Amino acid sequence: MIDFLLFDKYVYYIWFSYLLTFGIIIILFIRTKSIHKNTMIQLRIKYTREK
């Protein structure tokens, strides 16, 4: 099992790629959630003014 995680001579490249990929996914998730929240607030303000 531990041999599978070492990936021989490519260990740094592969683990850096995993880290970079998951880091970008987390950043995109947080950013999208923030944009969605701000959009919902703006729409709520817009439609409460029009009533």
PDB file of N, CA and C in Angstrom:
ATOM      1  N   MET A   1       0.828  -1.203   0.000  1.00  0.00           N
ATOM      2  CA  MET A   1       0.000   0.000   0.000  1.00  0.00           C
ATOM      3  C   MET A   1       0.863   1.254   0.000  1.00  0.00           C
ATOM      4  N   ILE A   2       1.894   1.293   0.815  1.00  0.00           N
ATOM      5  CA  ILE A   2       2.750   2.479   0.892  1.00  0.00           C
ATOM      6  C   ILE A   2       3.546   2.666  -0.398  1.00  0.00           C
ATOM      7  N   ASP A   3       3.879   1.572  -1.074  1.00  0.00           N
ATOM      8  CA  ASP A   3       4.584   1.677  -2.350  1.00  0.00           C
ATOM      9  C   ASP A   3       3.735   2.381  -3.398  1.00  0.00           C
ATOM     10  N   PHE A   4       2.432   2.188  -3.324  1.00  0.00           N
ATOM     11  CA  PHE A   4       1.529   2.845  -4.268  1.00  0.00           C
ATOM     12  C   PHE A   4       1.550   4.353  -4.074  1.00  0.00           C
ATOM     13  N   LEU A   5       1.707   4.830  -2.847  1.00  0.00           N
ATOM     14  CA  LEU A   5       1.677   6.264  -2.559  1.00  0.00           C
ATOM     15  C   LEU A   5       2.997   6.964  -2.873  1.00  0.00           C
ATOM     16  N   LEU A   6       4.052   6.219  -3.081  1.00  0.00           N
ATOM     17  CA  LEU A   6       5.359   6.846  -3.315  1.00  0.00           C
ATOM     18  C   LEU A   6       5.589   7.219  -4.774  1.00  0.00           C
ATOM     19  N   PHE A   7       5.056   6.502  -5.721  1.00  0.00           N
ATOM     20  CA  PHE A   7       5.152   6.812  -7.157  1.00  0.00           C
ATOM     21  C   PHE A   7       6.588   6.931  -7.671  1.00  0.00           C
ATOM     22  N   ASP A   8       7.494   6.240  -7.073  1.00  0.00           N
ATOM     23  CA  ASP A   8       8.901   6.191  -7.499  1.00  0.00           C
ATOM     24  C   ASP A   8       9.517   7.578  -7.637  1.00  0.00           C
ATOM     25  N   LYS A   9      10.116   7.866  -8.792  1.00  0.00           N
ATOM     26  CA  LYS A   9      10.847   9.124  -8.962  1.00  0.00           C
ATOM     27  C   LYS A   9       9.944  10.321  -9.271  1.00  0.00           C
ATOM     28  N   TYR A  10       8.655  10.104  -9.489  1.00  0.00           N
ATOM     29  CA  TYR A  10       7.736  11.187  -9.836  1.00  0.00           C
ATOM     30  C   TYR A  10       6.925  11.679  -8.636  1.00  0.00           C
ATOM     31  N   VAL A  11       7.346  11.305  -7.450  1.00  0.00           N
ATOM     32  CA  VAL A  11       6.558  11.578  -6.257  1.00  0.00           C
ATOM     33  C   VAL A  11       6.282  13.071  -6.062  1.00  0.00           C
ATOM     34  N   TYR A  12       7.257  13.945  -6.245  1.00  0.00           N
ATOM     35  CA  TYR A  12       7.045  15.383  -6.025  1.00  0.00           C
ATOM     36  C   TYR A  12       6.105  15.981  -7.071  1.00  0.00           C
ATOM     37  N   TYR A  13       6.268  15.585  -8.302  1.00  0.00           N
ATOM     38  CA  TYR A  13       5.413  16.087  -9.379  1.00  0.00           C
ATOM     39  C   TYR A  13       3.958  15.670  -9.158  1.00  0.00           C
ATOM     40  N   ILE A  14       3.737  14.416  -8.824  1.00  0.00           N
ATOM     41  CA  ILE A  14       2.380  13.914  -8.668  1.00  0.00           C
ATOM     42  C   ILE A  14       1.698  14.524  -7.458  1.00  0.00           C
ATOM     43  N   TRP A  15       2.371  14.575  -6.303  1.00  0.00           N
ATOM     44  CA  TRP A  15       1.740  15.142  -5.109  1.00  0.00           C
ATOM     45  C   TRP A  15       1.523  16.641  -5.248  1.00  0.00           C
ATOM     46  N   PHE A  16       2.436  17.327  -5.923  1.00  0.00           N
ATOM     47  CA  PHE A  16       2.228  18.761  -6.178  1.00  0.00           C
ATOM     48  C   PHE A  16       1.019  18.969  -7.085  1.00  0.00           C
ATOM     49  N   SER A  17       0.853  18.112  -8.070  1.00  0.00           N
ATOM     50  CA  SER A  17      -0.307  18.206  -8.963  1.00  0.00           C
ATOM     51  C   SER A  17      -1.605  17.964  -8.210  1.00  0.00           C
ATOM     52  N   TYR A  18      -1.627  16.968  -7.342  1.00  0.00           N
ATOM     53  CA  TYR A  18      -2.816  16.717  -6.516  1.00  0.00           C
ATOM     54  C   TYR A  18      -3.119  17.926  -5.637  1.00  0.00           C
ATOM     55  N   LEU A  19      -2.112  18.449  -4.973  1.00  0.00           N
ATOM     56  CA  LEU A  19      -2.294  19.596  -4.083  1.00  0.00           C
ATOM     57  C   LEU A  19      -2.797  20.811  -4.848  1.00  0.00           C
ATOM     58  N   LEU A  20      -2.211  21.082  -5.990  1.00  0.00           N
ATOM     59  CA  LEU A  20      -2.630  22.214  -6.812  1.00  0.00           C
ATOM     60  C   LEU A  20      -4.075  22.045  -7.291  1.00  0.00           C
ATOM     61  N   THR A  21      -4.424  20.858  -7.734  1.00  0.00           N
ATOM     62  CA  THR A  21      -5.782  20.598  -8.217  1.00  0.00           C
ATOM     63  C   THR A  21      -6.811  20.790  -7.119  1.00  0.00           C
ATOM     64  N   PHE A  22      -6.589  20.180  -5.963  1.00  0.00           N
ATOM     65  CA  PHE A  22      -7.546  20.305  -4.872  1.00  0.00           C
ATOM     66  C   PHE A  22      -7.584  21.723  -4.325  1.00  0.00           C
ATOM     67  N   GLY A  23      -6.453  22.417  -4.325  1.00  0.00           N
ATOM     68  CA  GLY A  23      -6.435  23.810  -3.898  1.00  0.00           C
ATOM     69  C   GLY A  23      -7.277  24.697  -4.803  1.00  0.00           C
ATOM     70  N   ILE A  24      -7.152  24.511  -6.093  1.00  0.00           N
ATOM     71  CA  ILE A  24      -7.940  25.291  -7.050  1.00  0.00           C
ATOM     72  C   ILE A  24      -9.425  24.968  -6.917  1.00  0.00           C
ATOM     73  N   ILE A  25      -9.759  23.699  -6.728  1.00  0.00           N
ATOM     74  CA  ILE A  25     -11.162  23.325  -6.558  1.00  0.00           C
ATOM     75  C   ILE A  25     -11.743  23.974  -5.305  1.00  0.00           C
ATOM     76  N   ILE A  26     -11.003  23.994  -4.221  1.00  0.00           N
ATOM     77  CA  ILE A  26     -11.482  24.627  -2.987  1.00  0.00           C
ATOM     78  C   ILE A  26     -11.659  26.119  -3.182  1.00  0.00           C
ATOM     79  N   ILE A  27     -10.691  26.778  -3.829  1.00  0.00           N
ATOM     80  CA  ILE A  27     -10.799  28.219  -4.081  1.00  0.00           C
ATOM     81  C   ILE A  27     -12.013  28.523  -4.955  1.00  0.00           C
ATOM     82  N   LEU A  28     -12.223  27.744  -6.008  1.00  0.00           N
ATOM     83  CA  LEU A  28     -13.380  27.959  -6.879  1.00  0.00           C
ATOM     84  C   LEU A  28     -14.696  27.741  -6.140  1.00  0.00           C
ATOM     85  N   PHE A  29     -14.749  26.747  -5.273  1.00  0.00           N
ATOM     86  CA  PHE A  29     -15.962  26.487  -4.506  1.00  0.00           C
ATOM     87  C   PHE A  29     -16.280  27.662  -3.582  1.00  0.00           C
ATOM     88  N   ILE A  30     -15.282  28.153  -2.862  1.00  0.00           N
ATOM     89  CA  ILE A  30     -15.495  29.267  -1.938  1.00  0.00           C
ATOM     90  C   ILE A  30     -15.879  30.525  -2.703  1.00  0.00           C
ATOM     91  N   ARG A  31     -15.205  30.794  -3.808  1.00  0.00           N
ATOM     92  CA  ARG A  31     -15.493  31.988  -4.606  1.00  0.00           C
ATOM     93  C   ARG A  31     -16.905  31.933  -5.195  1.00  0.00           C
ATOM     94  N   THR A  32     -17.294  30.775  -5.708  1.00  0.00           N
ATOM     95  CA  THR A  32     -18.629  30.624  -6.280  1.00  0.00           C
ATOM     96  C   THR A  32     -19.703  30.794  -5.213  1.00  0.00           C
ATOM     97  N   LYS A  33     -19.465  30.235  -4.048  1.00  0.00           N
ATOM     98  CA  LYS A  33     -20.414  30.370  -2.948  1.00  0.00           C
ATOM     99  C   LYS A  33     -20.564  31.838  -2.541  1.00  0.00           C
ATOM    100  N   SER A  34     -19.457  32.571  -2.504  1.00  0.00           N
ATOM    101  CA  SER A  34     -19.487  33.989  -2.148  1.00  0.00           C
ATOM    102  C   SER A  34     -20.231  34.808  -3.205  1.00  0.00           C
ATOM    103  N   ILE A  35     -19.967  34.541  -4.470  1.00  0.00           N
ATOM    104  CA  ILE A  35     -20.644  35.257  -5.553  1.00  0.00           C
ATOM    105  C   ILE A  35     -22.142  34.973  -5.522  1.00  0.00           C
ATOM    106  N   HIS A  36     -22.511  33.725  -5.270  1.00  0.00           N
ATOM    107  CA  HIS A  36     -23.929  33.366  -5.183  1.00  0.00           C
ATOM    108  C   HIS A  36     -24.610  34.101  -4.033  1.00  0.00           C
ATOM    109  N   LYS A  37     -23.950  34.163  -2.905  1.00  0.00           N
ATOM    110  CA  LYS A  37     -24.509  34.854  -1.744  1.00  0.00           C
ATOM    111  C   LYS A  37     -24.720  36.338  -2.041  1.00  0.00           C
ATOM    112  N   ASN A  38     -23.720  36.977  -2.646  1.00  0.00           N
ATOM    113  CA  ASN A  38     -23.833  38.399  -2.986  1.00  0.00           C
ATOM    114  C   ASN A  38     -24.936  38.642  -4.014  1.00  0.00           C
ATOM    115  N   THR A  39     -25.069  37.767  -4.983  1.00  0.00           N
ATOM    116  CA  THR A  39     -26.114  37.905  -5.999  1.00  0.00           C
ATOM    117  C   THR A  39     -27.505  37.779  -5.375  1.00  0.00           C
ATOM    118  N   MET A  40     -27.667  36.825  -4.476  1.00  0.00           N
ATOM    119  CA  MET A  40     -28.962  36.655  -3.815  1.00  0.00           C
ATOM    120  C   MET A  40     -29.312  37.886  -2.973  1.00  0.00           C
ATOM    121  N   ILE A  41     -28.337  38.474  -2.310  1.00  0.00           N
ATOM    122  CA  ILE A  41     -28.573  39.692  -1.520  1.00  0.00           C
ATOM    123  C   ILE A  41     -28.978  40.840  -2.437  1.00  0.00           C
ATOM    124  N   GLN A  42     -28.272  41.000  -3.553  1.00  0.00           N
ATOM    125  CA  GLN A  42     -28.596  42.081  -4.492  1.00  0.00           C
ATOM    126  C   GLN A  42     -29.996  41.902  -5.087  1.00  0.00           C
ATOM    127  N   LEU A  43     -30.360  40.679  -5.433  1.00  0.00           N
ATOM    128  CA  LEU A  43     -31.696  40.428  -5.982  1.00  0.00           C
ATOM    129  C   LEU A  43     -32.780  40.681  -4.926  1.00  0.00           C
ATOM    130  N   ARG A  44     -32.504  40.273  -3.701  1.00  0.00           N
ATOM    131  CA  ARG A  44     -33.471  40.506  -2.635  1.00  0.00           C
ATOM    132  C   ARG A  44     -33.691  42.005  -2.422  1.00  0.00           C
ATOM    133  N   ILE A  45     -32.626  42.790  -2.449  1.00  0.00           N
ATOM    134  CA  ILE A  45     -32.726  44.249  -2.291  1.00  0.00           C
ATOM    135  C   ILE A  45     -33.477  44.837  -3.472  1.00  0.00           C
ATOM    136  N   LYS A  46     -33.169  44.395  -4.685  1.00  0.00           N
ATOM    137  CA  LYS A  46     -33.814  44.932  -5.888  1.00  0.00           C
ATOM    138  C   LYS A  46     -35.312  44.684  -5.862  1.00  0.00           C
ATOM    139  N   TYR A  47     -35.736  43.481  -5.527  1.00  0.00           N
ATOM    140  CA  TYR A  47     -37.151  43.149  -5.594  1.00  0.00           C
ATOM    141  C   TYR A  47     -37.942  43.652  -4.392  1.00  0.00           C
ATOM    142  N   THR A  48     -37.292  43.941  -3.293  1.00  0.00           N
ATOM    143  CA  THR A  48     -38.035  44.539  -2.172  1.00  0.00           C
ATOM    144  C   THR A  48     -38.274  46.016  -2.422  1.00  0.00           C
ATOM    145  N   ARG A  49     -37.440  46.682  -3.193  1.00  0.00           N
ATOM    146  CA  ARG A  49     -37.632  48.081  -3.537  1.00  0.00           C
ATOM    147  C   ARG A  49     -38.809  48.285  -4.490  1.00  0.00           C
ATOM    148  N   GLU A  50     -39.019  47.327  -5.388  1.00  0.00           N
ATOM    149  CA  GLU A  50     -40.027  47.452  -6.431  1.00  0.00           C
ATOM    150  C   GLU A  50     -41.451  47.210  -5.931  1.00  0.00           C
ATOM    151  N   LYS A  51     -41.613  46.668  -4.753  1.00  0.00           N
ATOM    152  CA  LYS A  51     -42.967  46.366  -4.259  1.00  0.00           C
ATOM    153  C   LYS A  51     -43.686  47.579  -3.778  1.00  0.00           C
TER     154      LYS A  51
END
